[in-house]
Amino acid sequence: LVAWRALIPTARLPAPFSEPVVRLWLGPGAHLVHYPVSAGAAINVVAIFADQWRSEDWSGAADASALGPVFDSWAAAPRALLSAAGEFRRWALHDLPPLARWGKGAVTLLGDAAHPMLPFLAQGAAAALEDALVLGRRLKGAADVPAALRAYENERAPRTARLQTAARTTGAYYRMDGPLALARNLAISAMGGEYLMKRNDWIYAYDAAAGAQERTRLGRST
Protein backbone atom coordinates (compact mmCIF):
# COMPACT_ATOMS: atom_id res chain seq x y z
CA LEU A 1 0.00 0.00 0.00
CA VAL A 2 1.07 3.54 -0.72
CA ALA A 3 -0.32 6.78 0.71
CA TRP A 4 -0.60 9.73 -1.68
CA ARG A 5 -0.93 13.08 0.09
CA ALA A 6 -1.76 16.58 -1.10
CA LEU A 7 -2.60 19.93 0.47
CA ILE A 8 -5.22 21.89 -1.45
CA PRO A 9 -6.09 25.54 -0.71
CA THR A 10 -9.70 25.61 0.42
CA ALA A 11 -10.41 28.55 -1.89
CA ARG A 12 -10.06 26.20 -4.88
CA LEU A 13 -12.86 23.92 -3.68
CA PRO A 14 -16.65 24.07 -3.26
CA ALA A 15 -17.95 25.05 0.18
CA PRO A 16 -18.76 21.53 1.50
CA PHE A 17 -15.08 20.59 1.44
CA SER A 18 -14.23 23.29 3.98
CA GLU A 19 -16.63 21.97 6.63
CA PRO A 20 -14.74 20.98 9.82
CA VAL A 21 -15.31 17.27 9.44
CA VAL A 22 -13.32 14.24 8.34
CA ARG A 23 -14.70 12.63 5.20
CA LEU A 24 -13.91 9.06 4.22
CA TRP A 25 -14.63 7.56 0.79
CA LEU A 26 -14.44 3.81 0.25
CA GLY A 27 -13.93 2.16 -3.12
CA PRO A 28 -12.68 -1.05 -4.72
CA GLY A 29 -9.07 -1.52 -3.67
CA ALA A 30 -8.67 2.04 -2.40
CA HIS A 31 -9.91 4.64 0.04
CA LEU A 32 -9.67 8.40 0.33
CA VAL A 33 -9.81 10.62 3.40
CA HIS A 34 -9.76 14.42 3.61
CA TYR A 35 -10.16 17.08 6.28
CA PRO A 36 -9.39 20.79 6.79
CA VAL A 37 -6.08 21.91 8.30
CA SER A 38 -4.39 25.28 8.97
CA ALA A 39 -7.56 26.72 10.54
CA GLY A 40 -9.53 25.77 7.44
CA ALA A 41 -7.17 27.36 4.92
CA ALA A 42 -6.27 24.04 3.30
CA ILE A 43 -7.62 20.53 2.88
CA ASN A 44 -5.35 17.60 3.61
CA VAL A 45 -6.07 14.75 1.19
CA VAL A 46 -4.80 11.19 1.57
CA ALA A 47 -5.45 8.53 -1.08
CA ILE A 48 -4.40 4.97 -0.27
CA PHE A 49 -4.24 2.04 -2.68
CA ALA A 50 -2.01 -0.84 -3.73
CA ASP A 51 1.18 0.19 -5.52
CA GLN A 52 4.50 -1.50 -6.28
CA TRP A 53 6.51 1.53 -5.17
CA ARG A 54 8.80 0.44 -2.33
CA SER A 55 11.09 3.39 -1.63
CA GLU A 56 11.90 4.17 2.01
CA ASP A 57 11.56 7.87 1.18
CA TRP A 58 8.80 9.19 3.42
CA SER A 59 7.72 11.87 0.95
CA GLY A 60 8.67 11.04 -2.61
CA ALA A 61 7.41 12.94 -5.63
CA ALA A 62 4.41 11.32 -7.34
CA ASP A 63 2.91 11.55 -10.81
CA ALA A 64 -0.78 12.37 -10.39
CA SER A 65 -1.64 10.65 -13.67
CA ALA A 66 -1.27 7.32 -11.84
CA LEU A 67 -4.40 8.13 -9.83
CA GLY A 68 -6.61 7.90 -12.92
CA PRO A 69 -6.87 4.12 -13.23
CA VAL A 70 -7.71 3.86 -9.53
CA PHE A 71 -10.27 6.65 -9.13
CA ASP A 72 -11.77 7.36 -12.58
CA SER A 73 -14.87 5.29 -11.80
CA TRP A 74 -15.50 7.02 -8.45
CA ALA A 75 -18.18 9.61 -7.69
CA ALA A 76 -17.75 13.16 -8.93
CA ALA A 77 -16.92 14.74 -5.54
CA PRO A 78 -13.76 12.75 -4.73
CA ARG A 79 -12.59 12.98 -8.35
CA ALA A 80 -12.99 16.76 -8.25
CA LEU A 81 -10.98 16.88 -5.06
CA LEU A 82 -8.12 14.86 -6.52
CA SER A 83 -8.05 16.89 -9.72
CA ALA A 84 -7.76 20.12 -7.71
CA ALA A 85 -4.47 19.04 -6.16
CA GLY A 86 -1.46 20.64 -7.75
CA GLU A 87 1.08 18.16 -6.40
CA PHE A 88 1.09 14.82 -4.61
CA ARG A 89 3.73 13.27 -2.40
CA ARG A 90 3.72 9.58 -1.59
CA TRP A 91 5.22 7.02 0.71
CA ALA A 92 4.94 3.27 1.14
CA LEU A 93 3.03 1.95 4.16
CA HIS A 94 4.46 -0.87 6.23
CA ASP A 95 3.76 -2.59 9.51
CA LEU A 96 5.03 -5.65 11.36
CA PRO A 97 3.35 -8.37 13.40
CA PRO A 98 3.50 -7.71 17.16
CA LEU A 99 6.99 -8.33 18.49
CA ALA A 100 7.59 -11.10 21.01
CA ARG A 101 10.05 -8.92 22.93
CA TRP A 102 10.75 -5.20 23.04
CA GLY A 103 13.95 -5.07 25.07
CA LYS A 104 16.65 -6.64 27.16
CA GLY A 105 18.43 -5.42 30.24
CA ALA A 106 18.39 -1.63 30.45
CA VAL A 107 17.19 -1.24 26.85
CA THR A 108 13.63 -1.04 25.54
CA LEU A 109 11.67 0.34 22.60
CA LEU A 110 8.70 2.63 22.23
CA GLY A 111 6.56 4.08 19.45
CA ASP A 112 7.00 2.79 15.91
CA ALA A 113 10.22 1.00 16.87
CA ALA A 114 8.19 -1.26 19.17
CA HIS A 115 4.89 -1.53 17.33
CA PRO A 116 4.81 -0.15 13.76
CA MET A 117 1.21 0.00 12.59
CA LEU A 118 -0.74 1.03 9.52
CA PRO A 119 -2.44 4.45 9.81
CA PHE A 120 -6.05 3.29 9.44
CA LEU A 121 -6.96 3.99 13.08
CA ALA A 122 -4.82 7.15 13.27
CA GLN A 123 -3.18 5.81 16.44
CA GLY A 124 0.53 5.57 15.64
CA ALA A 125 1.56 8.81 17.33
CA ALA A 126 -1.04 8.38 20.07
CA ALA A 127 0.37 4.95 20.93
CA ALA A 128 3.86 6.43 21.21
CA LEU A 129 2.57 9.06 23.67
CA GLU A 130 0.86 6.33 25.69
CA ASP A 131 4.16 4.44 25.77
CA ALA A 132 5.91 7.51 27.15
CA LEU A 133 3.35 7.94 29.93
CA VAL A 134 3.53 4.31 31.00
CA LEU A 135 7.33 4.22 30.73
CA GLY A 136 7.61 7.31 32.90
CA ARG A 137 5.23 5.89 35.48
CA ARG A 138 7.08 2.57 35.63
CA LEU A 139 10.51 4.22 35.93
CA LYS A 140 9.49 6.75 38.57
CA GLY A 141 11.31 5.78 41.73
CA ALA A 142 12.30 2.38 40.31
CA ALA A 143 15.28 0.78 42.05
CA ASP A 144 15.53 -1.95 39.41
CA VAL A 145 15.48 -0.33 35.97
CA PRO A 146 15.47 -3.53 33.88
CA ALA A 147 12.53 -4.83 35.92
CA ALA A 148 10.70 -1.54 35.41
CA LEU A 149 11.27 -1.75 31.66
CA ARG A 150 9.91 -5.30 31.51
CA ALA A 151 6.86 -4.15 33.49
CA TYR A 152 6.33 -1.33 30.98
CA GLU A 153 6.60 -3.75 28.06
CA ASN A 154 4.22 -6.26 29.64
CA GLU A 155 1.70 -3.51 30.29
CA ARG A 156 1.81 -1.98 26.84
CA ALA A 157 2.24 -5.00 24.57
CA PRO A 158 -1.37 -6.30 24.65
CA ARG A 159 -2.86 -2.92 23.78
CA THR A 160 -0.40 -2.08 21.01
CA ALA A 161 -0.81 -5.56 19.51
CA ARG A 162 -4.55 -4.99 19.43
CA LEU A 163 -4.05 -1.60 17.77
CA GLN A 164 -1.73 -3.09 15.13
CA THR A 165 -4.18 -5.88 14.32
CA ALA A 166 -7.21 -3.58 14.28
CA ALA A 167 -5.47 -1.08 11.98
CA ARG A 168 -4.64 -3.82 9.49
CA THR A 169 -8.20 -5.20 9.62
CA THR A 170 -9.71 -1.73 9.19
CA GLY A 171 -7.64 -1.07 6.08
CA ALA A 172 -8.80 -4.33 4.50
CA TYR A 173 -12.40 -3.45 5.39
CA TYR A 174 -12.05 -0.07 3.67
CA ARG A 175 -10.75 -1.55 0.40
CA MET A 176 -13.25 -4.36 -0.12
CA ASP A 177 -14.57 -4.98 -3.64
CA GLY A 178 -17.53 -6.76 -5.24
CA PRO A 179 -20.00 -8.66 -3.01
CA LEU A 180 -17.88 -8.06 0.08
CA ALA A 181 -18.07 -4.30 -0.47
CA LEU A 182 -21.84 -4.50 -0.92
CA ALA A 183 -22.17 -6.46 2.33
CA ARG A 184 -19.95 -3.92 4.08
CA ASN A 185 -22.04 -1.00 2.85
CA LEU A 186 -25.27 -2.67 3.98
CA ALA A 187 -23.73 -3.37 7.38
CA ILE A 188 -22.61 0.26 7.76
CA SER A 189 -26.11 1.49 6.90
CA ALA A 190 -27.68 -0.93 9.35
CA MET A 191 -25.32 -0.08 12.21
CA GLY A 192 -25.63 3.68 11.89
CA GLY A 193 -23.18 6.38 12.90
CA GLU A 194 -23.61 6.08 16.67
CA TYR A 195 -22.66 2.42 16.74
CA LEU A 196 -19.78 2.97 14.34
CA MET A 197 -18.39 5.53 16.78
CA LYS A 198 -18.89 3.32 19.83
CA ARG A 199 -17.07 0.37 18.30
CA ASN A 200 -13.83 2.30 18.85
CA ASP A 201 -14.56 3.26 22.45
CA TRP A 202 -11.85 0.83 23.58
CA ILE A 203 -9.29 3.08 21.90
CA TYR A 204 -10.34 6.37 23.45
CA ALA A 205 -11.39 5.11 26.90
CA TYR A 206 -7.86 3.94 27.65
CA ASP A 207 -5.96 5.99 30.23
CA ALA A 208 -2.21 5.43 30.05
CA ALA A 209 -1.68 7.37 33.27
CA ALA A 210 -4.08 5.15 35.25
CA GLY A 211 -3.12 2.22 37.43
CA ALA A 212 -3.42 -1.47 36.63
CA GLN A 213 -6.89 -1.76 38.19
CA GLU A 214 -8.40 0.78 35.79
CA ARG A 215 -6.74 -0.76 32.74
CA THR A 216 -8.03 -4.20 33.71
CA ARG A 217 -11.55 -2.85 34.07
CA LEU A 218 -11.39 -1.25 30.63
CA GLY A 219 -10.01 -4.46 29.16
CA ARG A 220 -12.97 -6.44 30.46
CA SER A 221 -15.45 -3.88 29.19
CA THR A 222 -14.15 -4.20 25.63
C-alpha atoms as a PDB file:
ATOM      1  CA  LEU A   1       0.000   0.000   0.000  1.00  0.00           C
ATOM      2  CA  VAL A   2       1.074   3.539  -0.723  1.00  0.00           C
ATOM      3  CA  ALA A   3      -0.320   6.781   0.707  1.00  0.00           C
ATOM      4  CA  TRP A   4      -0.601   9.727  -1.682  1.00  0.00           C
ATOM      5  CA  ARG A   5      -0.929  13.076   0.089  1.00  0.00           C
ATOM      6  CA  ALA A   6      -1.757  16.577  -1.099  1.00  0.00           C
ATOM      7  CA  LEU A   7      -2.601  19.930   0.470  1.00  0.00           C
ATOM      8  CA  ILE A   8      -5.224  21.890  -1.452  1.00  0.00           C
ATOM      9  CA  PRO A   9      -6.091  25.542  -0.708  1.00  0.00           C
ATOM     10  CA  THR A  10      -9.704  25.610   0.424  1.00  0.00           C
ATOM     11  CA  ALA A  11     -10.414  28.547  -1.892  1.00  0.00           C
ATOM     12  CA  ARG A  12     -10.059  26.203  -4.884  1.00  0.00           C
ATOM     13  CA  LEU A  13     -12.857  23.918  -3.677  1.00  0.00           C
ATOM     14  CA  PRO A  14     -16.648  24.070  -3.261  1.00  0.00           C
ATOM     15  CA  ALA A  15     -17.950  25.046   0.177  1.00  0.00           C
ATOM     16  CA  PRO A  16     -18.762  21.534   1.497  1.00  0.00           C
ATOM     17  CA  PHE A  17     -15.076  20.588   1.436  1.00  0.00           C
ATOM     18  CA  SER A  18     -14.234  23.291   3.981  1.00  0.00           C
ATOM     19  CA  GLU A  19     -16.628  21.970   6.633  1.00  0.00           C
ATOM     20  CA  PRO A  20     -14.736  20.984   9.824  1.00  0.00           C
ATOM     21  CA  VAL A  21     -15.311  17.265   9.438  1.00  0.00           C
ATOM     22  CA  VAL A  22     -13.316  14.240   8.343  1.00  0.00           C
ATOM     23  CA  ARG A  23     -14.700  12.625   5.202  1.00  0.00           C
ATOM     24  CA  LEU A  24     -13.907   9.058   4.223  1.00  0.00           C
ATOM     25  CA  TRP A  25     -14.630   7.564   0.787  1.00  0.00           C
ATOM     26  CA  LEU A  26     -14.437   3.811   0.249  1.00  0.00           C
ATOM     27  CA  GLY A  27     -13.934   2.158  -3.121  1.00  0.00           C
ATOM     28  CA  PRO A  28     -12.675  -1.052  -4.717  1.00  0.00           C
ATOM     29  CA  GLY A  29      -9.071  -1.518  -3.669  1.00  0.00           C
ATOM     30  CA  ALA A  30      -8.669   2.045  -2.399  1.00  0.00           C
ATOM     31  CA  HIS A  31      -9.912   4.636   0.038  1.00  0.00           C
ATOM     32  CA  LEU A  32      -9.675   8.396   0.328  1.00  0.00           C
ATOM     33  CA  VAL A  33      -9.806  10.619   3.402  1.00  0.00           C
ATOM     34  CA  HIS A  34      -9.758  14.418   3.606  1.00  0.00           C
ATOM     35  CA  TYR A  35     -10.160  17.079   6.279  1.00  0.00           C
ATOM     36  CA  PRO A  36      -9.394  20.791   6.787  1.00  0.00           C
ATOM     37  CA  VAL A  37      -6.083  21.913   8.305  1.00  0.00           C
ATOM     38  CA  SER A  38      -4.392  25.276   8.966  1.00  0.00           C
ATOM     39  CA  ALA A  39      -7.561  26.723  10.540  1.00  0.00           C
ATOM     40  CA  GLY A  40      -9.529  25.765   7.444  1.00  0.00           C
ATOM     41  CA  ALA A  41      -7.170  27.361   4.920  1.00  0.00           C
ATOM     42  CA  ALA A  42      -6.272  24.041   3.300  1.00  0.00           C
ATOM     43  CA  ILE A  43      -7.620  20.531   2.876  1.00  0.00           C
ATOM     44  CA  ASN A  44      -5.354  17.597   3.609  1.00  0.00           C
ATOM     45  CA  VAL A  45      -6.067  14.748   1.190  1.00  0.00           C
ATOM     46  CA  VAL A  46      -4.798  11.190   1.568  1.00  0.00           C
ATOM     47  CA  ALA A  47      -5.452   8.533  -1.075  1.00  0.00           C
ATOM     48  CA  ILE A  48      -4.400   4.971  -0.273  1.00  0.00           C
ATOM     49  CA  PHE A  49      -4.242   2.044  -2.680  1.00  0.00           C
ATOM     50  CA  ALA A  50      -2.010  -0.838  -3.726  1.00  0.00           C
ATOM     51  CA  ASP A  51       1.179   0.195  -5.518  1.00  0.00           C
ATOM     52  CA  GLN A  52       4.496  -1.503  -6.283  1.00  0.00           C
ATOM     53  CA  TRP A  53       6.507   1.529  -5.171  1.00  0.00           C
ATOM     54  CA  ARG A  54       8.805   0.442  -2.332  1.00  0.00           C
ATOM     55  CA  SER A  55      11.087   3.387  -1.626  1.00  0.00           C
ATOM     56  CA  GLU A  56      11.895   4.173   2.009  1.00  0.00           C
ATOM     57  CA  ASP A  57      11.563   7.871   1.178  1.00  0.00           C
ATOM     58  CA  TRP A  58       8.802   9.187   3.417  1.00  0.00           C
ATOM     59  CA  SER A  59       7.724  11.870   0.952  1.00  0.00           C
ATOM     60  CA  GLY A  60       8.669  11.037  -2.612  1.00  0.00           C
ATOM     61  CA  ALA A  61       7.410  12.938  -5.635  1.00  0.00           C
ATOM     62  CA  ALA A  62       4.405  11.324  -7.345  1.00  0.00           C
ATOM     63  CA  ASP A  63       2.913  11.550 -10.812  1.00  0.00           C
ATOM     64  CA  ALA A  64      -0.783  12.374 -10.389  1.00  0.00           C
ATOM     65  CA  SER A  65      -1.641  10.648 -13.668  1.00  0.00           C
ATOM     66  CA  ALA A  66      -1.265   7.321 -11.845  1.00  0.00           C
ATOM     67  CA  LEU A  67      -4.396   8.127  -9.831  1.00  0.00           C
ATOM     68  CA  GLY A  68      -6.614   7.904 -12.917  1.00  0.00           C
ATOM     69  CA  PRO A  69      -6.869   4.118 -13.226  1.00  0.00           C
ATOM     70  CA  VAL A  70      -7.714   3.863  -9.530  1.00  0.00           C
ATOM     71  CA  PHE A  71     -10.268   6.651  -9.127  1.00  0.00           C
ATOM     72  CA  ASP A  72     -11.773   7.360 -12.580  1.00  0.00           C
ATOM     73  CA  SER A  73     -14.871   5.290 -11.797  1.00  0.00           C
ATOM     74  CA  TRP A  74     -15.503   7.016  -8.448  1.00  0.00           C
ATOM     75  CA  ALA A  75     -18.175   9.609  -7.692  1.00  0.00           C
ATOM     76  CA  ALA A  76     -17.746  13.162  -8.927  1.00  0.00           C
ATOM     77  CA  ALA A  77     -16.918  14.737  -5.542  1.00  0.00           C
ATOM     78  CA  PRO A  78     -13.764  12.745  -4.729  1.00  0.00           C
ATOM     79  CA  ARG A  79     -12.591  12.982  -8.349  1.00  0.00           C
ATOM     80  CA  ALA A  80     -12.992  16.763  -8.248  1.00  0.00           C
ATOM     81  CA  LEU A  81     -10.984  16.880  -5.058  1.00  0.00           C
ATOM     82  CA  LEU A  82      -8.124  14.856  -6.515  1.00  0.00           C
ATOM     83  CA  SER A  83      -8.048  16.885  -9.723  1.00  0.00           C
ATOM     84  CA  ALA A  84      -7.765  20.120  -7.707  1.00  0.00           C
ATOM     85  CA  ALA A  85      -4.465  19.039  -6.155  1.00  0.00           C
ATOM     86  CA  GLY A  86      -1.458  20.636  -7.752  1.00  0.00           C
ATOM     87  CA  GLU A  87       1.085  18.162  -6.402  1.00  0.00           C
ATOM     88  CA  PHE A  88       1.087  14.822  -4.614  1.00  0.00           C
ATOM     89  CA  ARG A  89       3.733  13.270  -2.399  1.00  0.00           C
ATOM     90  CA  ARG A  90       3.724   9.579  -1.590  1.00  0.00           C
ATOM     91  CA  TRP A  91       5.217   7.015   0.712  1.00  0.00           C
ATOM     92  CA  ALA A  92       4.940   3.270   1.143  1.00  0.00           C
ATOM     93  CA  LEU A  93       3.027   1.953   4.158  1.00  0.00           C
ATOM     94  CA  HIS A  94       4.458  -0.866   6.235  1.00  0.00           C
ATOM     95  CA  ASP A  95       3.758  -2.593   9.514  1.00  0.00           C
ATOM     96  CA  LEU A  96       5.029  -5.655  11.362  1.00  0.00           C
ATOM     97  CA  PRO A  97       3.346  -8.375  13.395  1.00  0.00           C
ATOM     98  CA  PRO A  98       3.496  -7.708  17.158  1.00  0.00           C
ATOM     99  CA  LEU A  99       6.987  -8.325  18.491  1.00  0.00           C
ATOM    100  CA  ALA A 100       7.586 -11.104  21.009  1.00  0.00           C
ATOM    101  CA  ARG A 101      10.047  -8.920  22.930  1.00  0.00           C
ATOM    102  CA  TRP A 102      10.750  -5.198  23.035  1.00  0.00           C
ATOM    103  CA  GLY A 103      13.946  -5.065  25.066  1.00  0.00           C
ATOM    104  CA  LYS A 104      16.645  -6.644  27.155  1.00  0.00           C
ATOM    105  CA  GLY A 105      18.429  -5.421  30.245  1.00  0.00           C
ATOM    106  CA  ALA A 106      18.395  -1.631  30.454  1.00  0.00           C
ATOM    107  CA  VAL A 107      17.192  -1.235  26.845  1.00  0.00           C
ATOM    108  CA  THR A 108      13.629  -1.044  25.541  1.00  0.00           C
ATOM    109  CA  LEU A 109      11.669   0.336  22.602  1.00  0.00           C
ATOM    110  CA  LEU A 110       8.698   2.632  22.228  1.00  0.00           C
ATOM    111  CA  GLY A 111       6.561   4.075  19.454  1.00  0.00           C
ATOM    112  CA  ASP A 112       6.998   2.790  15.908  1.00  0.00           C
ATOM    113  CA  ALA A 113      10.220   1.000  16.865  1.00  0.00           C
ATOM    114  CA  ALA A 114       8.194  -1.261  19.165  1.00  0.00           C
ATOM    115  CA  HIS A 115       4.891  -1.534  17.325  1.00  0.00           C
ATOM    116  CA  PRO A 116       4.805  -0.152  13.760  1.00  0.00           C
ATOM    117  CA  MET A 117       1.209  -0.001  12.586  1.00  0.00           C
ATOM    118  CA  LEU A 118      -0.739   1.034   9.523  1.00  0.00           C
ATOM    119  CA  PRO A 119      -2.439   4.450   9.806  1.00  0.00           C
ATOM    120  CA  PHE A 120      -6.048   3.293   9.443  1.00  0.00           C
ATOM    121  CA  LEU A 121      -6.963   3.986  13.077  1.00  0.00           C
ATOM    122  CA  ALA A 122      -4.816   7.146  13.269  1.00  0.00           C
ATOM    123  CA  GLN A 123      -3.177   5.807  16.442  1.00  0.00           C
ATOM    124  CA  GLY A 124       0.529   5.568  15.638  1.00  0.00           C
ATOM    125  CA  ALA A 125       1.561   8.814  17.330  1.00  0.00           C
ATOM    126  CA  ALA A 126      -1.039   8.381  20.074  1.00  0.00           C
ATOM    127  CA  ALA A 127       0.365   4.949  20.935  1.00  0.00           C
ATOM    128  CA  ALA A 128       3.863   6.434  21.214  1.00  0.00           C
ATOM    129  CA  LEU A 129       2.570   9.057  23.668  1.00  0.00           C
ATOM    130  CA  GLU A 130       0.858   6.331  25.686  1.00  0.00           C
ATOM    131  CA  ASP A 131       4.160   4.444  25.769  1.00  0.00           C
ATOM    132  CA  ALA A 132       5.907   7.511  27.153  1.00  0.00           C
ATOM    133  CA  LEU A 133       3.351   7.937  29.931  1.00  0.00           C
ATOM    134  CA  VAL A 134       3.531   4.310  30.999  1.00  0.00           C
ATOM    135  CA  LEU A 135       7.326   4.216  30.730  1.00  0.00           C
ATOM    136  CA  GLY A 136       7.611   7.311  32.896  1.00  0.00           C
ATOM    137  CA  ARG A 137       5.228   5.886  35.484  1.00  0.00           C
ATOM    138  CA  ARG A 138       7.085   2.573  35.631  1.00  0.00           C
ATOM    139  CA  LEU A 139      10.511   4.217  35.929  1.00  0.00           C
ATOM    140  CA  LYS A 140       9.486   6.752  38.567  1.00  0.00           C
ATOM    141  CA  GLY A 141      11.310   5.780  41.734  1.00  0.00           C
ATOM    142  CA  ALA A 142      12.303   2.379  40.306  1.00  0.00           C
ATOM    143  CA  ALA A 143      15.277   0.782  42.055  1.00  0.00           C
ATOM    144  CA  ASP A 144      15.530  -1.953  39.406  1.00  0.00           C
ATOM    145  CA  VAL A 145      15.484  -0.331  35.969  1.00  0.00           C
ATOM    146  CA  PRO A 146      15.466  -3.535  33.881  1.00  0.00           C
ATOM    147  CA  ALA A 147      12.527  -4.834  35.918  1.00  0.00           C
ATOM    148  CA  ALA A 148      10.699  -1.538  35.411  1.00  0.00           C
ATOM    149  CA  LEU A 149      11.271  -1.751  31.660  1.00  0.00           C
ATOM    150  CA  ARG A 150       9.905  -5.301  31.511  1.00  0.00           C
ATOM    151  CA  ALA A 151       6.862  -4.151  33.492  1.00  0.00           C
ATOM    152  CA  TYR A 152       6.334  -1.329  30.981  1.00  0.00           C
ATOM    153  CA  GLU A 153       6.603  -3.753  28.064  1.00  0.00           C
ATOM    154  CA  ASN A 154       4.215  -6.259  29.639  1.00  0.00           C
ATOM    155  CA  GLU A 155       1.700  -3.507  30.292  1.00  0.00           C
ATOM    156  CA  ARG A 156       1.814  -1.984  26.842  1.00  0.00           C
ATOM    157  CA  ALA A 157       2.241  -5.002  24.569  1.00  0.00           C
ATOM    158  CA  PRO A 158      -1.373  -6.302  24.654  1.00  0.00           C
ATOM    159  CA  ARG A 159      -2.856  -2.922  23.782  1.00  0.00           C
ATOM    160  CA  THR A 160      -0.398  -2.082  21.012  1.00  0.00           C
ATOM    161  CA  ALA A 161      -0.808  -5.559  19.509  1.00  0.00           C
ATOM    162  CA  ARG A 162      -4.555  -4.987  19.430  1.00  0.00           C
ATOM    163  CA  LEU A 163      -4.053  -1.604  17.772  1.00  0.00           C
ATOM    164  CA  GLN A 164      -1.734  -3.095  15.134  1.00  0.00           C
ATOM    165  CA  THR A 165      -4.178  -5.876  14.317  1.00  0.00           C
ATOM    166  CA  ALA A 166      -7.208  -3.583  14.276  1.00  0.00           C
ATOM    167  CA  ALA A 167      -5.473  -1.084  11.985  1.00  0.00           C
ATOM    168  CA  ARG A 168      -4.643  -3.820   9.488  1.00  0.00           C
ATOM    169  CA  THR A 169      -8.200  -5.200   9.620  1.00  0.00           C
ATOM    170  CA  THR A 170      -9.714  -1.734   9.192  1.00  0.00           C
ATOM    171  CA  GLY A 171      -7.636  -1.075   6.077  1.00  0.00           C
ATOM    172  CA  ALA A 172      -8.803  -4.333   4.503  1.00  0.00           C
ATOM    173  CA  TYR A 173     -12.403  -3.448   5.391  1.00  0.00           C
ATOM    174  CA  TYR A 174     -12.048  -0.073   3.669  1.00  0.00           C
ATOM    175  CA  ARG A 175     -10.746  -1.550   0.399  1.00  0.00           C
ATOM    176  CA  MET A 176     -13.255  -4.364  -0.120  1.00  0.00           C
ATOM    177  CA  ASP A 177     -14.567  -4.981  -3.635  1.00  0.00           C
ATOM    178  CA  GLY A 178     -17.526  -6.761  -5.238  1.00  0.00           C
ATOM    179  CA  PRO A 179     -19.999  -8.659  -3.014  1.00  0.00           C
ATOM    180  CA  LEU A 180     -17.883  -8.058   0.081  1.00  0.00           C
ATOM    181  CA  ALA A 181     -18.069  -4.299  -0.467  1.00  0.00           C
ATOM    182  CA  LEU A 182     -21.837  -4.500  -0.919  1.00  0.00           C
ATOM    183  CA  ALA A 183     -22.172  -6.465   2.329  1.00  0.00           C
ATOM    184  CA  ARG A 184     -19.947  -3.916   4.084  1.00  0.00           C
ATOM    185  CA  ASN A 185     -22.043  -0.998   2.854  1.00  0.00           C
ATOM    186  CA  LEU A 186     -25.270  -2.668   3.977  1.00  0.00           C
ATOM    187  CA  ALA A 187     -23.729  -3.366   7.379  1.00  0.00           C
ATOM    188  CA  ILE A 188     -22.608   0.261   7.764  1.00  0.00           C
ATOM    189  CA  SER A 189     -26.109   1.493   6.901  1.00  0.00           C
ATOM    190  CA  ALA A 190     -27.684  -0.927   9.350  1.00  0.00           C
ATOM    191  CA  MET A 191     -25.322  -0.076  12.207  1.00  0.00           C
ATOM    192  CA  GLY A 192     -25.631   3.683  11.893  1.00  0.00           C
ATOM    193  CA  GLY A 193     -23.178   6.379  12.903  1.00  0.00           C
ATOM    194  CA  GLU A 194     -23.606   6.082  16.672  1.00  0.00           C
ATOM    195  CA  TYR A 195     -22.659   2.419  16.735  1.00  0.00           C
ATOM    196  CA  LEU A 196     -19.781   2.971  14.340  1.00  0.00           C
ATOM    197  CA  MET A 197     -18.386   5.525  16.784  1.00  0.00           C
ATOM    198  CA  LYS A 198     -18.892   3.316  19.830  1.00  0.00           C
ATOM    199  CA  ARG A 199     -17.066   0.373  18.302  1.00  0.00           C
ATOM    200  CA  ASN A 200     -13.828   2.297  18.849  1.00  0.00           C
ATOM    201  CA  ASP A 201     -14.558   3.263  22.454  1.00  0.00           C
ATOM    202  CA  TRP A 202     -11.853   0.835  23.578  1.00  0.00           C
ATOM    203  CA  ILE A 203      -9.285   3.081  21.897  1.00  0.00           C
ATOM    204  CA  TYR A 204     -10.337   6.375  23.451  1.00  0.00           C
ATOM    205  CA  ALA A 205     -11.386   5.112  26.903  1.00  0.00           C
ATOM    206  CA  TYR A 206      -7.862   3.938  27.652  1.00  0.00           C
ATOM    207  CA  ASP A 207      -5.958   5.991  30.226  1.00  0.00           C
ATOM    208  CA  ALA A 208      -2.211   5.431  30.053  1.00  0.00           C
ATOM    209  CA  ALA A 209      -1.685   7.367  33.268  1.00  0.00           C
ATOM    210  CA  ALA A 210      -4.085   5.147  35.246  1.00  0.00           C
ATOM    211  CA  GLY A 211      -3.123   2.221  37.431  1.00  0.00           C
ATOM    212  CA  ALA A 212      -3.420  -1.471  36.629  1.00  0.00           C
ATOM    213  CA  GLN A 213      -6.887  -1.762  38.185  1.00  0.00           C
ATOM    214  CA  GLU A 214      -8.403   0.785  35.790  1.00  0.00           C
ATOM    215  CA  ARG A 215      -6.744  -0.756  32.743  1.00  0.00           C
ATOM    216  CA  THR A 216      -8.029  -4.199  33.711  1.00  0.00           C
ATOM    217  CA  ARG A 217     -11.546  -2.850  34.066  1.00  0.00           C
ATOM    218  CA  LEU A 218     -11.391  -1.251  30.632  1.00  0.00           C
ATOM    219  CA  GLY A 219     -10.010  -4.455  29.162  1.00  0.00           C
ATOM    220  CA  ARG A 220     -12.965  -6.443  30.459  1.00  0.00           C
ATOM    221  CA  SER A 221     -15.445  -3.879  29.188  1.00  0.00           C
ATOM    222  CA  THR A 222     -14.154  -4.203  25.633  1.00  0.00           C
END
